[in-house]
Amino acid sequence: MQRTGQNAPPQQTARVIAFQQFEKMNTKPARQNLPETEAGWMENLQPISGNDLKAVPGAAATLATLTAETVSRFFEANIGAVDYIIAFTVLGAGIAINADTGVKTTFAPDGTFSPLPDMTVYNSQRILIMDPLAGYATWDGTLFVQSGTGGISPNIHVTNGGSGYGAPPAVSFTGGAGGNAGGAAATAVLSGGSVVAVNLTNPGTGNAAGAAITVVFTGANTTPATATVVVFPQVSGNTIAVFAGRVWWVSKTTSGNFRQLNFTGTAGFDDINPANAAGSTTITDADLAHNITALRALNNFLYIFGDQSIKQIGSITVTVPGSITLFTPLTLASDIGTSFPMTILSYNRLVLFANKQGVYGIFGASVQKVSDDLDGIFQATDFSLLPSAALNDLNNIHCYLLLLKYLDPVLGLRSIIVAFQQNKWFVISQGSLIAITSIPLGSTTQVETFGSSGSDVTQLLNNPNVAVPVTLRTALSSHGNLIQAKKAIKAGVAVTTSLAQNFTMKVETENNSVSYPLAAASVINWINNSGGLVTWQNNSLGTVIFIGGGFRFPYSSVDGYGKVLGATITGTVLLFAINAVAIEYIDADEWGILP
């Protein structure tokens, strides 16, 4: 008589589970609920294609170190031909770091700003800063001017250049504090005997808002030059943007909430004269629950982010006569917003941002969540570290990067970057980061990413010759038969590498896991159609990384018993890609009853 059921001898048919053609990483369901084509975790492995999970480059050497300072926020800026990383610190300083040379310039000392100012760039000429503590401020690479000190504006308008000057005339000021604009000083720029510009060298102090100040030119001439200047605007706020040639910022209303939207006039970044169409409006809409948290000018729109809503301004007009600026805010969402302004970026004509529920995209006039696959991560995120975002052209694929503080169930609280590319997510780790930003470097003509773990300024994802820790966690697969127990007998990992290097494969079931060291050695050289070795090259560095490539499939006899089988691959590697994972097993007892 043939025995059946749980007392029957195990069937010895060998079967193979092949984890390959990975479609994406998905942390939302438990691993046993994933299909074999989805991974539970991909760390420092970029999905180039289904069978090519490539190890990302490591961080470069530290570009600069900020002495006795801790970074609180990073911004990018270009002033003229110089690319800067602008760091604001916990102690309230403002420091500019040349993104190519690492040279540091402290343009504002400790105590100037709150730890969380906002910033934008004006016409590649200067940065504009808005801060609840320091107010409105600007730096042009040389001169720093801010609200609250009563300095005059660096935006000096030459109304008549005059003629007949043989040398630049001396520049002085009358009116204002002390009768000399509080000690302000400037120099004239001459061309063809006429004054073409006036460069402020000292803004002075103590000038009252709206004080009448006269620019005086002293020097032999045929026709005297004339110019106008105003006291730098004495305003404050929490966020700032440049849109349609105007500066926009948000300030507090009498209720104490940041709901008042302000804009400069037509005469420049310092023009708050209503006669020039400057003005303000208070957004009283009920869907703005508390505050406007961010203004961002992206993709030809001004976005107004609240903690629970998003609005958009598409264009402005100015009435004639009257010089009144007109615009109509359009509400995009009345139930979705963000309190994390440093996560808002333009990405492939989308606007992406994050809140505590995940990452969202603005698609035209609709707002949609794009991070369902990260729900498992966001549920374990510690938002005491305010998230920040950056862009990176990683392996020629444009990516959105979001820095989070993640409570890892295995490794504990740590910094990770979740990366979005072509509707897929993966994880990057590059140290204990607290802030990131990106900058389109003129020297490389690529978008590069910089980060800080405290006092350092370091370019991330830059050096392919630095080994990085990688983790691939496959699904736990029942291979189409959930009631059938399986006994793992062999397992292997298909990899591509030009180097002999070691990594670990852990075979897992719902009952236990066993680790097996593997080695990718005896590299095979690939030959191209012309009969030569394949050459890999890093486009950003312009240098050859390695010549030749190798495909290996190390495997091992393994143990494991359960209804579901899977694997976790870990190692510290470089110039490395995982192509597939295979587990060979035989059928054991139905319903998985252990003997």
Protein backbone atom coordinates (compact mmCIF):
# COMPACT_ATOMS: atom_id res chain seq x y z
CA MET A 1 0.00 0.00 0.00
CA GLN A 2 1.32 3.45 -0.88
CA ARG A 3 1.46 5.89 2.00
CA THR A 4 0.13 9.41 1.54
CA GLY A 5 -0.02 12.65 3.55
CA GLN A 6 2.46 13.78 6.14
CA ASN A 7 3.84 10.27 6.71
CA ALA A 8 4.78 9.81 3.07
CA PRO A 9 8.51 9.91 2.20
CA PRO A 10 9.62 13.26 0.74
CA GLN A 11 9.59 13.62 -3.00
CA GLN A 12 13.11 13.99 -4.39
CA THR A 13 12.33 16.05 -7.51
CA ALA A 14 14.95 18.81 -7.79
CA ARG A 15 13.57 22.25 -8.51
CA VAL A 16 15.16 25.70 -8.84
CA ILE A 17 13.93 29.09 -7.69
CA ALA A 18 15.63 31.76 -9.83
CA PHE A 19 15.43 35.30 -8.48
CA GLN A 20 16.13 37.37 -11.57
CA GLN A 21 14.68 40.07 -13.85
CA PHE A 22 14.13 42.21 -10.77
CA GLU A 23 11.36 44.67 -11.50
CA LYS A 24 11.80 46.79 -8.38
CA MET A 25 12.42 46.98 -4.65
CA ASN A 26 9.24 46.86 -2.58
CA THR A 27 9.22 47.34 1.20
CA LYS A 28 5.44 47.61 1.57
CA PRO A 29 4.47 43.91 1.96
CA ALA A 30 6.28 41.24 3.93
CA ARG A 31 8.92 39.36 1.93
CA GLN A 32 6.80 36.19 1.70
CA ASN A 33 4.16 38.24 -0.10
CA LEU A 34 6.52 39.49 -2.82
CA PRO A 35 6.78 37.92 -6.27
CA GLU A 36 10.16 36.45 -7.17
CA THR A 37 10.80 39.39 -9.51
CA GLU A 38 10.68 41.94 -6.65
CA ALA A 39 13.32 42.46 -3.98
CA GLY A 40 12.65 43.26 -0.35
CA TRP A 41 15.79 45.42 -0.16
CA MET A 42 18.41 46.76 -2.60
CA GLU A 43 21.15 48.76 -0.90
CA ASN A 44 23.94 50.40 -2.88
CA LEU A 45 22.74 48.32 -5.83
CA GLN A 46 21.33 50.39 -8.67
CA PRO A 47 18.86 48.52 -10.91
CA ILE A 48 20.35 49.23 -14.32
CA SER A 49 18.18 46.47 -15.79
CA GLY A 50 16.36 43.41 -14.48
CA ASN A 51 19.51 41.29 -14.37
CA ASP A 52 22.00 44.06 -13.62
CA LEU A 53 22.06 45.43 -10.09
CA LYS A 54 25.23 47.51 -10.15
CA ALA A 55 27.15 48.59 -7.04
CA VAL A 56 27.15 52.39 -6.78
CA PRO A 57 30.37 54.43 -6.49
CA GLY A 58 31.62 55.40 -3.06
CA ALA A 59 32.16 58.87 -1.64
CA ALA A 60 35.12 60.99 -2.65
CA ALA A 61 37.68 62.32 -0.21
CA THR A 62 36.36 65.13 1.99
CA LEU A 63 36.24 68.38 0.03
CA ALA A 64 36.26 70.71 3.06
CA THR A 65 35.90 70.64 6.83
CA LEU A 66 34.02 73.35 8.70
CA THR A 67 35.94 74.08 11.88
CA ALA A 68 33.80 73.91 15.03
CA GLU A 69 30.59 73.93 12.99
CA THR A 70 27.80 71.43 12.27
CA VAL A 71 25.84 71.69 9.05
CA SER A 72 22.11 72.24 9.42
CA ARG A 73 21.18 72.94 5.77
CA PHE A 74 22.89 72.76 2.39
CA PHE A 75 22.04 74.75 -0.77
CA GLU A 76 23.65 75.03 -4.16
CA ALA A 77 24.52 78.33 -5.85
CA ASN A 78 26.32 79.67 -8.86
CA ILE A 79 27.67 83.22 -8.68
CA GLY A 80 29.25 84.18 -11.97
CA ALA A 81 31.47 81.30 -13.03
CA VAL A 82 31.89 79.87 -9.51
CA ASP A 83 29.82 76.96 -8.18
CA TYR A 84 29.26 77.04 -4.44
CA ILE A 85 27.81 74.80 -1.78
CA ILE A 86 26.21 77.10 0.77
CA ALA A 87 26.21 75.67 4.28
CA PHE A 88 24.14 77.07 7.13
CA THR A 89 25.15 75.77 10.52
CA VAL A 90 23.56 74.87 13.83
CA LEU A 91 25.33 77.87 15.42
CA GLY A 92 23.86 80.25 12.84
CA ALA A 93 26.79 80.86 10.49
CA GLY A 94 26.74 81.06 6.69
CA ILE A 95 29.66 79.47 4.86
CA ALA A 96 30.28 79.20 1.11
CA ILE A 97 32.42 76.31 -0.13
CA ASN A 98 33.83 76.38 -3.65
CA ALA A 99 32.49 73.12 -5.10
CA ASP A 100 35.62 72.60 -7.21
CA THR A 101 38.44 73.68 -4.89
CA GLY A 102 36.97 73.33 -1.40
CA VAL A 103 37.98 76.89 -0.47
CA LYS A 104 35.74 78.15 2.36
CA THR A 105 34.38 81.66 2.85
CA THR A 106 32.49 82.51 6.03
CA PHE A 107 30.22 85.32 4.87
CA ALA A 108 28.14 85.43 8.08
CA PRO A 109 29.42 84.57 11.56
CA ASP A 110 27.79 82.42 14.24
CA GLY A 111 24.56 83.85 15.57
CA THR A 112 23.54 85.49 12.31
CA PHE A 113 20.87 83.01 11.21
CA SER A 114 18.51 80.52 12.72
CA PRO A 115 19.59 76.92 11.94
CA LEU A 116 16.93 76.67 9.19
CA PRO A 117 17.01 79.63 6.77
CA ASP A 118 15.81 79.41 3.17
CA MET A 119 17.80 80.49 0.14
CA THR A 120 17.67 81.03 -3.61
CA VAL A 121 19.91 82.40 -6.37
CA TYR A 122 19.25 85.66 -8.21
CA ASN A 123 20.34 85.91 -11.86
CA SER A 124 23.62 84.03 -11.20
CA GLN A 125 24.78 87.22 -9.45
CA ARG A 126 24.08 86.63 -5.77
CA ILE A 127 22.32 84.48 -3.23
CA LEU A 128 19.18 85.72 -1.47
CA ILE A 129 18.42 84.44 2.02
CA MET A 130 15.24 84.66 4.08
CA ASP A 131 15.31 83.80 7.75
CA PRO A 132 13.00 84.41 10.75
CA LEU A 133 16.02 85.59 12.79
CA ALA A 134 18.29 87.42 10.35
CA GLY A 135 15.55 88.60 8.01
CA TYR A 136 16.33 89.24 4.36
CA ALA A 137 20.02 88.94 3.37
CA THR A 138 22.21 88.72 0.28
CA TRP A 139 25.79 87.77 -0.59
CA ASP A 140 27.40 88.31 -4.00
CA GLY A 141 30.63 86.39 -3.43
CA THR A 142 32.21 89.38 -1.70
CA LEU A 143 29.76 91.58 0.20
CA PHE A 144 27.14 90.44 2.73
CA VAL A 145 24.14 92.69 3.48
CA GLN A 146 21.20 91.86 5.73
CA SER A 147 18.04 93.31 7.21
CA GLY A 148 18.17 94.57 10.75
CA THR A 149 21.51 96.36 10.45
CA GLY A 150 20.19 99.31 8.46
CA GLY A 151 22.68 98.96 5.60
CA ILE A 152 22.05 100.31 2.13
CA SER A 153 21.37 98.00 -0.79
CA PRO A 154 24.13 96.82 -3.12
CA ASN A 155 21.66 97.37 -5.98
CA ILE A 156 22.75 100.92 -6.88
CA HIS A 157 21.07 102.19 -10.07
CA VAL A 158 23.12 104.44 -12.35
CA THR A 159 20.47 106.75 -13.82
CA ASN A 160 22.94 108.86 -15.82
CA GLY A 161 26.51 107.78 -16.43
CA GLY A 162 27.69 111.32 -17.12
CA SER A 163 30.61 112.01 -19.43
CA GLY A 164 34.15 113.31 -19.52
CA TYR A 165 35.50 111.39 -16.54
CA GLY A 166 39.21 110.71 -16.93
CA ALA A 167 39.32 108.47 -13.87
CA PRO A 168 36.66 106.76 -11.76
CA PRO A 169 35.06 109.42 -9.55
CA ALA A 170 34.94 109.02 -5.79
CA VAL A 171 31.59 107.83 -4.47
CA SER A 172 30.03 109.04 -1.23
CA PHE A 173 26.57 109.13 0.31
CA THR A 174 24.58 111.81 2.06
CA GLY A 175 21.52 111.41 4.23
CA GLY A 176 20.59 108.52 6.43
CA ALA A 177 22.37 107.65 9.66
CA GLY A 178 25.05 110.21 10.60
CA GLY A 179 24.41 112.08 7.39
CA ASN A 180 26.67 109.66 5.51
CA ALA A 181 24.42 106.62 5.22
CA GLY A 182 25.90 105.12 8.36
CA GLY A 183 29.43 104.97 6.93
CA ALA A 184 28.52 103.32 3.62
CA ALA A 185 31.19 103.24 0.92
CA ALA A 186 31.35 102.32 -2.76
CA THR A 187 33.51 102.54 -5.89
CA ALA A 188 32.58 103.59 -9.41
CA VAL A 189 33.23 101.58 -12.57
CA LEU A 190 34.13 103.69 -15.62
CA SER A 191 33.84 102.93 -19.33
CA GLY A 192 34.41 105.44 -22.13
CA GLY A 193 34.42 108.34 -19.68
CA SER A 194 31.05 107.38 -18.19
CA VAL A 195 30.08 105.64 -14.97
CA VAL A 196 28.52 102.31 -15.85
CA ALA A 197 28.22 100.73 -12.39
CA VAL A 198 28.69 101.41 -8.69
CA ASN A 199 29.99 98.62 -6.48
CA LEU A 200 29.09 98.79 -2.79
CA THR A 201 32.02 97.96 -0.52
CA ASN A 202 30.45 98.81 2.85
CA PRO A 203 26.67 98.92 3.37
CA GLY A 204 26.91 101.07 6.48
CA THR A 205 24.64 100.66 9.49
CA GLY A 206 21.76 102.28 11.30
CA ASN A 207 19.82 103.67 8.36
CA ALA A 208 16.08 103.78 8.92
CA ALA A 209 13.82 101.94 6.52
CA GLY A 210 12.88 104.29 3.68
CA ALA A 211 15.58 106.84 4.53
CA ALA A 212 16.37 109.24 1.67
CA ILE A 213 19.99 108.70 0.68
CA THR A 214 21.79 110.49 -2.15
CA VAL A 215 24.70 109.12 -4.18
CA VAL A 216 27.43 111.72 -4.76
CA PHE A 217 30.14 111.44 -7.45
CA THR A 218 33.25 113.58 -6.99
CA GLY A 219 35.64 114.02 -9.91
CA ALA A 220 36.34 116.12 -12.98
CA ASN A 221 33.68 115.62 -15.65
CA THR A 222 31.82 117.18 -18.50
CA THR A 223 28.43 115.96 -17.36
CA PRO A 224 28.02 114.64 -13.78
CA ALA A 225 26.81 111.12 -13.19
CA THR A 226 23.77 110.38 -11.08
CA ALA A 227 22.53 107.24 -9.30
CA THR A 228 19.91 106.13 -6.82
CA VAL A 229 20.06 103.77 -3.84
CA VAL A 230 17.68 102.55 -1.13
CA VAL A 231 18.07 101.09 2.31
CA PHE A 232 18.13 97.31 2.03
CA PRO A 233 14.61 96.00 2.77
CA GLN A 234 14.00 95.54 6.49
CA VAL A 235 11.80 92.46 6.18
CA SER A 236 11.85 88.89 7.46
CA GLY A 237 10.20 85.58 6.68
CA ASN A 238 10.62 81.83 6.48
CA THR A 239 10.92 81.06 2.75
CA ILE A 240 11.99 82.75 -0.48
CA ALA A 241 11.96 82.23 -4.26
CA VAL A 242 12.58 84.14 -7.48
CA PHE A 243 9.73 83.96 -10.00
CA ALA A 244 8.90 86.09 -13.05
CA GLY A 245 11.83 88.39 -12.27
CA ARG A 246 10.49 89.18 -8.79
CA VAL A 247 11.57 88.07 -5.33
CA TRP A 248 8.77 86.37 -3.37
CA TRP A 249 8.81 85.64 0.36
CA VAL A 250 6.45 84.69 3.16
CA SER A 251 6.15 86.64 6.40
CA LYS A 252 4.02 86.43 9.53
CA THR A 253 0.56 87.91 9.78
CA THR A 254 -0.80 89.50 12.96
CA SER A 255 -2.02 86.03 13.97
CA GLY A 256 1.58 84.84 14.12
CA ASN A 257 1.28 82.40 11.21
CA PHE A 258 3.40 82.53 8.07
CA ARG A 259 0.57 83.28 5.61
CA GLN A 260 1.49 86.62 4.03
CA LEU A 261 2.86 86.31 0.49
CA ASN A 262 5.08 89.27 -0.45
CA PHE A 263 6.73 90.24 -3.75
CA THR A 264 9.19 92.88 -4.90
CA GLY A 265 8.54 95.38 -7.66
CA THR A 266 10.03 95.83 -11.10
CA ALA A 267 13.23 97.61 -10.02
CA GLY A 268 15.10 94.61 -8.63
CA PHE A 269 15.58 92.33 -5.66
CA ASP A 270 15.51 95.27 -3.21
CA ASP A 271 12.42 97.03 -4.57
CA ILE A 272 9.52 97.04 -2.08
CA ASN A 273 7.95 100.22 -3.46
CA PRO A 274 4.22 99.77 -4.25
CA ALA A 275 4.60 102.36 -7.00
CA ASN A 276 6.75 99.79 -8.84
CA ALA A 277 4.12 97.02 -8.43
CA ALA A 278 5.55 95.56 -5.21
CA GLY A 279 2.97 94.25 -2.79
CA SER A 280 1.60 91.48 -0.63
CA THR A 281 -1.47 89.36 -0.04
CA THR A 282 -2.56 87.15 2.83
CA ILE A 283 -3.71 83.67 1.91
CA THR A 284 -6.79 83.04 4.02
CA ASP A 285 -7.91 79.80 2.36
CA ALA A 286 -9.18 77.23 4.87
CA ASP A 287 -7.04 74.49 3.32
CA LEU A 288 -3.90 76.33 4.44
CA ALA A 289 -4.09 74.80 7.89
CA HIS A 290 -1.21 76.61 9.59
CA ASN A 291 1.67 78.06 7.57
CA ILE A 292 3.12 78.42 4.13
CA THR A 293 6.17 76.20 4.53
CA ALA A 294 7.94 76.75 1.20
CA LEU A 295 7.96 78.79 -1.99
CA ARG A 296 9.64 77.17 -4.98
CA ALA A 297 9.92 78.46 -8.54
CA LEU A 298 10.07 75.32 -10.71
CA ASN A 299 9.14 74.50 -14.30
CA ASN A 300 7.73 78.00 -15.00
CA PHE A 301 5.44 78.00 -11.95
CA LEU A 302 5.62 79.39 -8.44
CA TYR A 303 4.56 76.65 -6.02
CA ILE A 304 3.17 77.64 -2.63
CA PHE A 305 3.48 74.71 -0.23
CA GLY A 306 1.54 74.56 3.01
CA ASP A 307 1.70 71.84 5.61
CA GLN A 308 -1.62 70.52 4.28
CA SER A 309 -2.10 72.08 0.82
CA ILE A 310 -0.33 73.08 -2.39
CA LYS A 311 -1.07 76.10 -4.59
CA GLN A 312 0.43 77.34 -7.84
CA ILE A 313 0.86 80.66 -9.62
CA GLY A 314 1.38 80.41 -13.36
CA SER A 315 1.78 84.03 -14.48
CA ILE A 316 1.55 87.62 -13.28
CA THR A 317 0.39 90.83 -14.94
CA VAL A 318 0.78 94.51 -14.01
CA THR A 319 -2.09 96.95 -14.41
CA VAL A 320 -1.53 100.11 -16.46
CA PRO A 321 -2.12 102.62 -15.04
CA GLY A 322 -1.86 101.79 -11.39
CA SER A 323 1.16 99.44 -11.33
CA ILE A 324 -0.62 96.71 -9.39
CA THR A 325 0.61 93.14 -9.71
CA LEU A 326 -2.18 90.66 -10.42
CA PHE A 327 -2.11 86.87 -10.19
CA THR A 328 -4.46 84.01 -9.37
CA PRO A 329 -3.32 81.12 -7.14
CA LEU A 330 -4.59 77.72 -8.29
CA THR A 331 -5.09 75.06 -5.63
CA LEU A 332 -3.52 71.73 -6.64
CA ALA A 333 -4.26 69.84 -3.43
CA SER A 334 -6.24 70.67 -0.31
CA ASP A 335 -5.20 67.61 1.70
CA ILE A 336 -1.53 67.08 0.80
CA GLY A 337 1.40 69.33 1.62
CA THR A 338 4.80 69.21 3.29
CA SER A 339 6.67 70.57 6.28
CA PHE A 340 9.99 69.55 4.67
CA PRO A 341 10.97 72.30 2.20
CA MET A 342 14.40 70.77 1.56
CA THR A 343 12.75 67.78 -0.15
CA ILE A 344 11.15 69.82 -2.96
CA LEU A 345 12.91 69.45 -6.32
CA SER A 346 12.17 69.40 -10.01
CA TYR A 347 12.77 65.94 -11.46
CA ASN A 348 12.21 65.18 -15.14
CA ARG A 349 9.59 67.97 -15.40
CA LEU A 350 7.83 66.65 -12.29
CA VAL A 351 7.96 68.36 -8.92
CA LEU A 352 8.74 65.84 -6.19
CA PHE A 353 8.46 66.40 -2.44
CA ALA A 354 8.20 64.33 0.72
CA ASN A 355 6.11 64.40 3.86
CA LYS A 356 5.69 61.87 6.67
CA GLN A 357 3.54 59.63 4.48
CA GLY A 358 5.98 59.33 1.57
CA VAL A 359 7.11 60.98 -1.65
CA TYR A 360 4.63 62.71 -3.92
CA GLY A 361 4.82 64.07 -7.44
CA ILE A 362 3.01 67.00 -8.99
CA PHE A 363 1.81 65.85 -12.40
CA GLY A 364 0.42 68.94 -14.08
CA ALA A 365 -2.52 69.93 -11.89
CA SER A 366 -2.71 66.68 -9.89
CA VAL A 367 -0.71 65.37 -6.94
CA GLN A 368 0.03 61.65 -6.67
CA LYS A 369 2.05 59.48 -4.32
CA VAL A 370 5.02 57.84 -6.05
CA SER A 371 6.53 55.97 -3.10
CA ASP A 372 4.08 53.20 -2.24
CA ASP A 373 7.02 50.79 -2.45
CA LEU A 374 8.72 52.68 0.40
CA ASP A 375 5.88 52.44 2.92
CA GLY A 376 7.88 49.98 5.00
CA ILE A 377 10.72 52.52 5.23
CA PHE A 378 8.58 55.57 5.97
CA GLN A 379 6.83 53.71 8.78
CA ALA A 380 10.24 53.30 10.44
CA THR A 381 11.61 56.81 9.74
CA ASP A 382 12.71 59.11 12.54
CA PHE A 383 11.74 62.61 11.40
CA SER A 384 13.82 64.31 14.08
CA LEU A 385 16.32 64.57 11.22
CA LEU A 386 14.54 66.78 8.72
CA PRO A 387 14.66 65.03 5.32
CA SER A 388 16.56 66.68 2.49
CA ALA A 389 16.78 65.84 -1.20
CA ALA A 390 19.25 66.03 -4.07
CA LEU A 391 19.65 64.92 -7.66
CA ASN A 392 22.34 62.76 -9.20
CA ASP A 393 23.15 61.51 -12.70
CA LEU A 394 24.12 58.04 -11.50
CA ASN A 395 25.43 55.76 -14.25
CA ASN A 396 23.86 58.22 -16.72
CA ILE A 397 20.44 57.79 -15.09
CA HIS A 398 18.86 60.89 -13.56
CA CYS A 399 17.86 60.12 -9.95
CA TYR A 400 15.99 61.86 -7.13
CA LEU A 401 17.66 61.18 -3.77
CA LEU A 402 15.98 61.60 -0.39
CA LEU A 403 17.93 61.46 2.87
CA LEU A 404 16.12 59.81 5.79
CA LYS A 405 16.96 58.71 9.32
CA TYR A 406 15.81 55.08 9.33
CA LEU A 407 15.25 52.74 12.26
CA ASP A 408 16.73 49.63 10.68
CA PRO A 409 15.35 46.47 12.34
CA VAL A 410 18.82 44.88 12.13
CA LEU A 411 21.36 47.72 12.23
CA GLY A 412 19.46 50.25 14.34
CA LEU A 413 19.03 53.97 13.68
CA ARG A 414 21.05 55.07 10.65
CA SER A 415 21.10 57.42 7.67
CA ILE A 416 19.95 56.10 4.32
CA ILE A 417 19.17 57.69 0.98
CA VAL A 418 16.20 56.37 -0.96
CA ALA A 419 16.74 56.87 -4.70
CA PHE A 420 14.05 57.19 -7.36
CA GLN A 421 14.75 56.41 -11.01
CA GLN A 422 12.37 55.52 -13.81
CA ASN A 423 9.57 54.64 -11.34
CA LYS A 424 11.84 52.37 -9.28
CA TRP A 425 13.32 52.88 -5.82
CA PHE A 426 16.51 51.58 -4.25
CA VAL A 427 18.57 52.43 -1.14
CA ILE A 428 21.95 54.15 -0.92
CA SER A 429 24.16 54.39 2.16
CA GLN A 430 27.20 56.71 2.19
CA GLY A 431 27.86 57.29 5.87
CA SER A 432 26.10 58.99 8.77
CA LEU A 433 24.73 61.86 6.72
CA ILE A 434 22.65 64.71 8.13
CA ALA A 435 22.24 66.89 5.01
CA ILE A 436 22.57 66.56 1.24
CA THR A 437 22.28 68.84 -1.78
CA SER A 438 23.06 68.70 -5.47
CA ILE A 439 24.67 71.10 -7.88
CA PRO A 440 25.07 71.09 -11.68
CA LEU A 441 28.84 71.53 -11.73
CA GLY A 442 30.21 73.54 -14.61
CA SER A 443 33.49 71.62 -14.36
CA THR A 444 31.86 68.22 -14.99
CA THR A 445 28.65 69.35 -16.77
CA GLN A 446 26.82 66.83 -14.60
CA VAL A 447 24.57 67.01 -11.56
CA GLU A 448 26.72 66.07 -8.56
CA THR A 449 25.64 65.32 -5.00
CA PHE A 450 27.30 66.59 -1.81
CA GLY A 451 26.59 65.59 1.76
CA SER A 452 27.72 66.16 5.32
CA SER A 453 27.89 64.00 8.41
CA GLY A 454 28.42 67.07 10.60
CA SER A 455 31.39 69.29 9.82
CA ASP A 456 32.53 67.74 6.55
CA VAL A 457 31.54 68.61 2.98
CA THR A 458 31.92 65.50 0.84
CA GLN A 459 30.99 64.61 -2.72
CA LEU A 460 28.89 61.45 -2.71
CA LEU A 461 28.62 58.67 -5.32
CA ASN A 462 31.79 59.86 -6.99
CA ASN A 463 34.58 57.30 -6.64
CA PRO A 464 34.02 53.87 -8.25
CA ASN A 465 37.26 52.63 -6.70
CA VAL A 466 35.88 52.92 -3.16
CA ALA A 467 34.23 49.74 -1.89
CA VAL A 468 30.66 50.09 -0.64
CA PRO A 469 28.53 47.76 1.50
CA VAL A 470 25.81 46.14 -0.60
CA THR A 471 22.70 44.20 0.40
CA LEU A 472 20.22 42.36 -1.79
CA ARG A 473 17.30 40.78 0.04
CA THR A 474 15.15 38.62 -2.23
CA ALA A 475 11.55 37.65 -1.75
CA LEU A 476 10.75 34.59 0.35
CA SER A 477 9.17 32.44 -2.31
CA SER A 478 6.82 29.46 -2.01
CA HIS A 479 7.51 28.86 -5.71
CA GLY A 480 3.83 28.36 -6.43
CA ASN A 481 3.13 25.81 -3.68
CA LEU A 482 2.65 27.27 -0.24
CA ILE A 483 1.76 24.02 1.51
CA GLN A 484 4.80 22.11 0.26
CA ALA A 485 7.85 22.22 2.50
CA LYS A 486 11.14 22.57 0.68
CA LYS A 487 14.65 21.50 1.54
CA ALA A 488 17.38 23.73 0.06
CA ILE A 489 20.36 21.78 -1.22
CA LYS A 490 22.39 24.23 -3.33
CA ALA A 491 22.40 27.99 -3.93
CA GLY A 492 24.48 30.46 -5.89
CA VAL A 493 24.75 34.08 -6.95
CA ALA A 494 25.46 35.21 -10.49
CA VAL A 495 27.73 38.27 -10.41
CA THR A 496 29.75 40.41 -12.79
CA THR A 497 33.04 41.74 -11.48
CA SER A 498 36.51 42.57 -12.74
CA LEU A 499 38.04 41.79 -9.36
CA ALA A 500 38.37 38.78 -7.11
CA GLN A 501 36.26 39.66 -4.08
CA ASN A 502 34.27 37.99 -1.35
CA PHE A 503 30.65 38.29 -0.27
CA THR A 504 28.14 36.31 1.79
CA MET A 505 24.96 34.52 0.79
CA LYS A 506 22.44 33.82 3.54
CA VAL A 507 19.82 31.20 2.65
CA GLU A 508 16.60 31.92 4.53
CA THR A 509 13.29 30.22 5.28
CA GLU A 510 10.47 31.12 7.65
CA ASN A 511 12.20 28.82 10.17
CA ASN A 512 15.86 29.88 10.12
CA SER A 513 18.77 31.18 8.06
CA VAL A 514 22.31 29.97 7.36
CA SER A 515 25.17 32.10 5.94
CA TYR A 516 27.63 30.89 3.32
CA PRO A 517 30.74 32.81 2.23
CA LEU A 518 31.22 33.01 -1.53
CA ALA A 519 34.07 34.30 -3.65
CA ALA A 520 34.10 35.76 -7.14
CA ALA A 521 37.54 34.80 -8.40
CA SER A 522 39.24 33.74 -11.64
CA VAL A 523 37.77 36.64 -13.58
CA ILE A 524 36.89 35.96 -17.20
CA ASN A 525 37.72 38.70 -19.69
CA TRP A 526 34.97 39.69 -22.10
CA ILE A 527 35.90 40.15 -25.74
CA ASN A 528 34.07 42.66 -27.91
CA ASN A 529 33.19 42.18 -31.59
CA SER A 530 36.45 43.75 -32.69
CA GLY A 531 38.47 41.18 -30.78
CA GLY A 532 39.57 43.50 -27.99
CA LEU A 533 38.90 43.59 -24.27
CA VAL A 534 35.87 45.56 -23.21
CA THR A 535 36.78 48.95 -21.67
CA TRP A 536 34.66 50.56 -18.98
CA GLN A 537 35.01 54.28 -18.41
CA ASN A 538 33.67 56.77 -15.86
CA ASN A 539 32.32 59.75 -17.79
CA SER A 540 32.54 62.23 -14.92
CA LEU A 541 36.19 61.50 -14.15
CA GLY A 542 37.26 60.81 -17.72
CA THR A 543 39.53 57.99 -16.56
CA VAL A 544 39.50 54.27 -17.24
CA ILE A 545 38.15 52.28 -14.31
CA PHE A 546 39.09 48.82 -15.49
CA ILE A 547 39.72 46.80 -18.59
CA GLY A 548 37.96 43.51 -18.98
CA GLY A 549 34.92 42.15 -17.19
CA GLY A 550 33.93 38.87 -15.65
CA PHE A 551 30.80 36.84 -15.16
CA ARG A 552 30.94 34.28 -12.34
CA PHE A 553 28.36 32.06 -10.67
CA PRO A 554 29.76 30.88 -7.32
CA TYR A 555 27.55 28.45 -5.46
CA SER A 556 27.57 26.24 -2.40
CA SER A 557 25.83 23.25 -0.90
CA VAL A 558 23.37 24.70 1.57
CA ASP A 559 20.85 23.77 4.19
CA GLY A 560 17.39 25.12 4.85
CA TYR A 561 13.87 23.84 5.41
CA GLY A 562 10.59 25.69 5.06
CA LYS A 563 7.58 26.51 2.94
CA VAL A 564 9.31 29.63 1.58
CA LEU A 565 12.91 30.09 0.49
CA GLY A 566 14.94 33.23 -0.16
CA ALA A 567 18.36 34.75 0.24
CA THR A 568 20.19 37.85 1.43
CA ILE A 569 23.44 38.80 -0.30
CA THR A 570 25.86 41.10 1.55
CA GLY A 571 29.42 42.25 1.05
CA THR A 572 31.70 45.24 0.73
CA VAL A 573 32.54 45.41 -2.95
CA LEU A 574 33.45 47.63 -5.88
CA LEU A 575 33.06 47.34 -9.64
CA PHE A 576 30.48 44.67 -8.94
CA ALA A 577 26.99 43.74 -10.10
CA ILE A 578 24.52 41.08 -9.05
CA ASN A 579 22.74 39.40 -11.94
CA ALA A 580 20.62 36.67 -10.32
CA VAL A 581 20.24 34.41 -7.29
CA ALA A 582 19.31 30.71 -7.60
CA ILE A 583 18.27 28.18 -4.96
CA GLU A 584 17.96 24.48 -5.75
CA TYR A 585 15.65 22.47 -3.52
CA ILE A 586 13.77 19.22 -3.24
CA ASP A 587 10.19 18.79 -2.09
CA ALA A 588 9.87 17.71 1.51
CA ASP A 589 6.76 17.19 3.62
CA GLU A 590 3.43 18.65 2.69
CA TRP A 591 2.37 21.39 5.12
CA GLY A 592 5.96 21.64 6.26
CA ILE A 593 5.76 19.48 9.35
CA LEU A 594 9.24 18.95 10.72
CA PRO A 595 10.14 15.34 11.62
